[in-house]
PDB file of N, CA and C in Angstrom:
ATOM      1  N   UNK A   1      16.003  17.431 -44.533  1.00  0.00           N
ATOM      2  CA  UNK A   1      15.170  18.125 -43.416  1.00  0.00           C
ATOM      3  C   UNK A   1      14.839  19.438 -44.008  1.00  0.00           C
ATOM      4  N   UNK A   2      13.500  19.611 -44.203  1.00  0.00           N
ATOM      5  CA  UNK A   2      13.034  20.982 -44.673  1.00  0.00           C
ATOM      6  C   UNK A   2      13.120  22.085 -43.434  1.00  0.00           C
ATOM      7  N   UNK A   3      12.759  23.158 -43.886  1.00  0.00           N
ATOM      8  CA  UNK A   3      12.744  24.309 -42.933  1.00  0.00           C
ATOM      9  C   UNK A   3      11.951  24.008 -41.862  1.00  0.00           C
ATOM     10  N   UNK A   4      10.772  23.647 -42.044  1.00  0.00           N
ATOM     11  CA  UNK A   4       9.766  23.400 -40.800  1.00  0.00           C
ATOM     12  C   UNK A   4      10.374  22.367 -39.857  1.00  0.00           C
ATOM     13  N   UNK A   5      10.944  21.384 -40.433  1.00  0.00           N
ATOM     14  CA  UNK A   5      11.546  20.270 -39.535  1.00  0.00           C
ATOM     15  C   UNK A   5      12.707  20.769 -38.626  1.00  0.00           C
ATOM     16  N   UNK A   6      13.445  21.722 -39.264  1.00  0.00           N
ATOM     17  CA  UNK A   6      14.707  22.257 -38.758  1.00  0.00           C
ATOM     18  C   UNK A   6      14.307  23.095 -37.448  1.00  0.00           C
ATOM     19  N   UNK A   7      13.085  23.852 -37.882  1.00  0.00           N
ATOM     20  CA  UNK A   7      12.576  24.802 -36.813  1.00  0.00           C
ATOM     21  C   UNK A   7      12.073  23.893 -35.617  1.00  0.00           C
ATOM     22  N   UNK A   8      11.379  22.978 -35.973  1.00  0.00           N
ATOM     23  CA  UNK A   8      10.802  21.994 -34.929  1.00  0.00           C
ATOM     24  C   UNK A   8      11.859  21.434 -34.032  1.00  0.00           C
ATOM     25  N   UNK A   9      13.011  20.968 -34.761  1.00  0.00           N
ATOM     26  CA  UNK A   9      14.224  20.326 -34.150  1.00  0.00           C
ATOM     27  C   UNK A   9      14.692  21.342 -33.096  1.00  0.00           C
ATOM     28  N   UNK A  10      14.929  22.727 -33.641  1.00  0.00           N
ATOM     29  CA  UNK A  10      15.607  23.805 -32.670  1.00  0.00           C
ATOM     30  C   UNK A  10      14.507  23.954 -31.448  1.00  0.00           C
ATOM     31  N   UNK A  11      13.113  24.076 -31.724  1.00  0.00           N
ATOM     32  CA  UNK A  11      12.190  24.055 -30.611  1.00  0.00           C
ATOM     33  C   UNK A  11      12.429  22.973 -29.658  1.00  0.00           C
ATOM     34  N   UNK A  12      12.480  21.688 -30.037  1.00  0.00           N
ATOM     35  CA  UNK A  12      12.660  20.674 -29.193  1.00  0.00           C
ATOM     36  C   UNK A  12      13.968  20.732 -28.477  1.00  0.00           C
ATOM     37  N   UNK A  13      14.953  21.105 -29.081  1.00  0.00           N
ATOM     38  CA  UNK A  13      16.220  21.140 -28.577  1.00  0.00           C
ATOM     39  C   UNK A  13      16.286  22.360 -27.205  1.00  0.00           C
ATOM     40  N   UNK A  14      15.671  23.325 -27.628  1.00  0.00           N
ATOM     41  CA  UNK A  14      15.337  24.442 -26.671  1.00  0.00           C
ATOM     42  C   UNK A  14      14.725  23.958 -25.449  1.00  0.00           C
ATOM     43  N   UNK A  15      13.613  23.224 -25.709  1.00  0.00           N
ATOM     44  CA  UNK A  15      12.893  22.662 -24.663  1.00  0.00           C
ATOM     45  C   UNK A  15      13.667  21.698 -23.646  1.00  0.00           C
ATOM     46  N   UNK A  16      14.377  20.868 -24.313  1.00  0.00           N
ATOM     47  CA  UNK A  16      15.372  19.927 -23.497  1.00  0.00           C
ATOM     48  C   UNK A  16      16.292  20.755 -22.764  1.00  0.00           C
ATOM     49  N   UNK A  17      16.832  21.754 -23.271  1.00  0.00           N
ATOM     50  CA  UNK A  17      17.875  22.736 -22.577  1.00  0.00           C
ATOM     51  C   UNK A  17      17.085  23.351 -21.420  1.00  0.00           C
ATOM     52  N   UNK A  18      15.957  23.847 -21.651  1.00  0.00           N
ATOM     53  CA  UNK A  18      15.087  24.543 -20.516  1.00  0.00           C
ATOM     54  C   UNK A  18      14.750  23.587 -19.439  1.00  0.00           C
ATOM     55  N   UNK A  19      14.384  22.125 -19.934  1.00  0.00           N
ATOM     56  CA  UNK A  19      14.256  21.154 -18.911  1.00  0.00           C
ATOM     57  C   UNK A  19      15.421  20.976 -18.137  1.00  0.00           C
ATOM     58  N   UNK A  20      16.535  20.798 -18.698  1.00  0.00           N
ATOM     59  CA  UNK A  20      17.856  20.415 -18.019  1.00  0.00           C
ATOM     60  C   UNK A  20      18.098  21.668 -17.041  1.00  0.00           C
ATOM     61  N   UNK A  21      17.886  22.858 -17.470  1.00  0.00           N
ATOM     62  CA  UNK A  21      18.012  23.919 -16.586  1.00  0.00           C
ATOM     63  C   UNK A  21      17.215  23.897 -15.292  1.00  0.00           C
ATOM     64  N   UNK A  22      15.981  23.801 -15.524  1.00  0.00           N
ATOM     65  CA  UNK A  22      14.899  23.767 -14.477  1.00  0.00           C
ATOM     66  C   UNK A  22      15.173  22.670 -13.556  1.00  0.00           C
ATOM     67  N   UNK A  23      15.577  21.343 -13.956  1.00  0.00           N
ATOM     68  CA  UNK A  23      15.874  20.318 -13.120  1.00  0.00           C
ATOM     69  C   UNK A  23      17.092  20.697 -12.247  1.00  0.00           C
ATOM     70  N   UNK A  24      18.128  21.192 -12.783  1.00  0.00           N
ATOM     71  CA  UNK A  24      19.261  21.669 -12.159  1.00  0.00           C
ATOM     72  C   UNK A  24      18.906  22.648 -11.043  1.00  0.00           C
ATOM     73  N   UNK A  25      18.113  23.591 -11.391  1.00  0.00           N
ATOM     74  CA  UNK A  25      17.774  24.752 -10.595  1.00  0.00           C
ATOM     75  C   UNK A  25      16.579  24.272  -9.614  1.00  0.00           C
ATOM     76  N   UNK A  26      16.131  23.086  -9.713  1.00  0.00           N
ATOM     77  CA  UNK A  26      15.049  22.512  -8.817  1.00  0.00           C
ATOM     78  C   UNK A  26      13.802  23.412  -8.898  1.00  0.00           C
ATOM     79  N   UNK A  27      13.481  23.643 -10.087  1.00  0.00           N
ATOM     80  CA  UNK A  27      12.063  24.341 -10.337  1.00  0.00           C
ATOM     81  C   UNK A  27      11.215  23.462 -10.884  1.00  0.00           C
ATOM     82  N   UNK A  28      10.430  22.753 -10.120  1.00  0.00           N
ATOM     83  CA  UNK A  28       9.420  21.831 -10.871  1.00  0.00           C
ATOM     84  C   UNK A  28       8.372  22.346 -11.779  1.00  0.00           C
ATOM     85  N   UNK A  29       8.099  23.631 -11.544  1.00  0.00           N
ATOM     86  CA  UNK A  29       7.050  24.251 -12.575  1.00  0.00           C
ATOM     87  C   UNK A  29       7.750  24.491 -13.916  1.00  0.00           C
ATOM     88  N   UNK A  30       8.880  24.803 -13.984  1.00  0.00           N
ATOM     89  CA  UNK A  30       9.699  25.081 -15.016  1.00  0.00           C
ATOM     90  C   UNK A  30       9.961  23.914 -15.923  1.00  0.00           C
ATOM     91  N   UNK A  31      10.300  22.715 -14.984  1.00  0.00           N
ATOM     92  CA  UNK A  31      10.537  21.533 -15.673  1.00  0.00           C
ATOM     93  C   UNK A  31       9.326  20.981 -16.302  1.00  0.00           C
ATOM     94  N   UNK A  32       8.063  21.127 -15.661  1.00  0.00           N
ATOM     95  CA  UNK A  32       6.783  20.572 -16.185  1.00  0.00           C
ATOM     96  C   UNK A  32       6.635  21.445 -17.481  1.00  0.00           C
ATOM     97  N   UNK A  33       6.708  22.766 -17.553  1.00  0.00           N
ATOM     98  CA  UNK A  33       6.476  23.627 -18.657  1.00  0.00           C
ATOM     99  C   UNK A  33       7.338  23.180 -19.951  1.00  0.00           C
ATOM    100  N   UNK A  34       8.592  22.897 -19.776  1.00  0.00           N
ATOM    101  CA  UNK A  34       9.553  22.411 -20.658  1.00  0.00           C
ATOM    102  C   UNK A  34       9.176  21.345 -21.200  1.00  0.00           C
ATOM    103  N   UNK A  35       8.783  20.261 -20.349  1.00  0.00           N
ATOM    104  CA  UNK A  35       8.432  18.941 -20.771  1.00  0.00           C
ATOM    105  C   UNK A  35       7.108  18.976 -21.563  1.00  0.00           C
ATOM    106  N   UNK A  36       6.143  19.802 -21.251  1.00  0.00           N
ATOM    107  CA  UNK A  36       4.952  20.016 -21.973  1.00  0.00           C
ATOM    108  C   UNK A  36       5.189  20.660 -23.376  1.00  0.00           C
ATOM    109  N   UNK A  37       6.156  21.491 -23.439  1.00  0.00           N
ATOM    110  CA  UNK A  37       6.542  22.099 -24.692  1.00  0.00           C
ATOM    111  C   UNK A  37       7.223  21.038 -25.634  1.00  0.00           C
ATOM    112  N   UNK A  38       8.317  20.424 -24.919  1.00  0.00           N
ATOM    113  CA  UNK A  38       8.812  19.355 -25.907  1.00  0.00           C
ATOM    114  C   UNK A  38       7.895  18.217 -26.320  1.00  0.00           C
ATOM    115  N   UNK A  39       6.944  17.804 -25.554  1.00  0.00           N
ATOM    116  CA  UNK A  39       5.917  16.680 -26.020  1.00  0.00           C
ATOM    117  C   UNK A  39       5.058  17.376 -27.022  1.00  0.00           C
ATOM    118  N   UNK A  40       4.753  18.717 -26.942  1.00  0.00           N
ATOM    119  CA  UNK A  40       3.907  19.400 -28.172  1.00  0.00           C
ATOM    120  C   UNK A  40       4.771  19.445 -29.359  1.00  0.00           C
ATOM    121  N   UNK A  41       5.900  19.674 -29.204  1.00  0.00           N
ATOM    122  CA  UNK A  41       6.703  19.675 -30.642  1.00  0.00           C
ATOM    123  C   UNK A  41       7.007  18.230 -31.156  1.00  0.00           C
ATOM    124  N   UNK A  42       7.177  17.348 -30.409  1.00  0.00           N
ATOM    125  CA  UNK A  42       7.182  16.013 -30.757  1.00  0.00           C
ATOM    126  C   UNK A  42       5.964  15.413 -31.327  1.00  0.00           C
ATOM    127  N   UNK A  43       4.933  15.731 -30.638  1.00  0.00           N
ATOM    128  CA  UNK A  43       3.540  15.354 -31.194  1.00  0.00           C
ATOM    129  C   UNK A  43       3.344  15.914 -32.633  1.00  0.00           C
ATOM    130  N   UNK A  44       3.670  17.319 -32.902  1.00  0.00           N
ATOM    131  CA  UNK A  44       3.553  17.865 -34.106  1.00  0.00           C
ATOM    132  C   UNK A  44       4.393  17.174 -35.203  1.00  0.00           C
ATOM    133  N   UNK A  45       5.706  17.148 -34.863  1.00  0.00           N
ATOM    134  CA  UNK A  45       6.724  16.444 -35.552  1.00  0.00           C
ATOM    135  C   UNK A  45       6.283  15.141 -36.207  1.00  0.00           C
ATOM    136  N   UNK A  46       5.624  14.346 -35.354  1.00  0.00           N
ATOM    137  CA  UNK A  46       5.244  12.916 -35.650  1.00  0.00           C
ATOM    138  C   UNK A  46       3.892  12.944 -36.274  1.00  0.00           C
ATOM    139  N   UNK A  47       3.397  13.934 -36.642  1.00  0.00           N
ATOM    140  CA  UNK A  47       2.024  13.892 -37.318  1.00  0.00           C
ATOM    141  C   UNK A  47       0.885  13.530 -36.366  1.00  0.00           C
ATOM    142  N   UNK A  48       0.824  14.180 -35.096  1.00  0.00           N
ATOM    143  CA  UNK A  48      -0.255  13.877 -34.430  1.00  0.00           C
ATOM    144  C   UNK A  48      -0.284  12.565 -33.471  1.00  0.00           C
ATOM    145  N   UNK A  49       0.959  12.177 -33.275  1.00  0.00           N
ATOM    146  CA  UNK A  49       1.152  10.967 -32.375  1.00  0.00           C
ATOM    147  C   UNK A  49       2.400  10.946 -31.899  1.00  0.00           C
ATOM    148  N   UNK A  50       2.699  10.260 -30.683  1.00  0.00           N
ATOM    149  CA  UNK A  50       3.884   9.997 -30.013  1.00  0.00           C
ATOM    150  C   UNK A  50       4.680   8.829 -30.618  1.00  0.00           C
ATOM    151  N   UNK A  51       4.137   8.032 -31.595  1.00  0.00           N
ATOM    152  CA  UNK A  51       4.764   6.991 -32.132  1.00  0.00           C
ATOM    153  C   UNK A  51       5.388   7.104 -33.506  1.00  0.00           C
ATOM    154  N   UNK A  52       5.161   8.225 -34.033  1.00  0.00           N
ATOM    155  CA  UNK A  52       5.906   8.517 -35.406  1.00  0.00           C
ATOM    156  C   UNK A  52       4.989   8.041 -36.566  1.00  0.00           C
ATOM    157  N   UNK A  53       5.248   8.311 -37.752  1.00  0.00           N
ATOM    158  CA  UNK A  53       4.539   7.923 -38.918  1.00  0.00           C
ATOM    159  C   UNK A  53       5.142   6.910 -39.720  1.00  0.00           C
TER     160      UNK A  53
END
């Protein structure tokens, strides 16, 4: 895994942690924001698709 992939993986993991925290705290706006961040990172990591390359 190169440095960019490592950074992206850390961003994705952080978004999952934020999503978890927002769900437990019952903050729908925070959960939606974390999910959007996660999906954006996954989209970028997969070369512009949710299905991978």
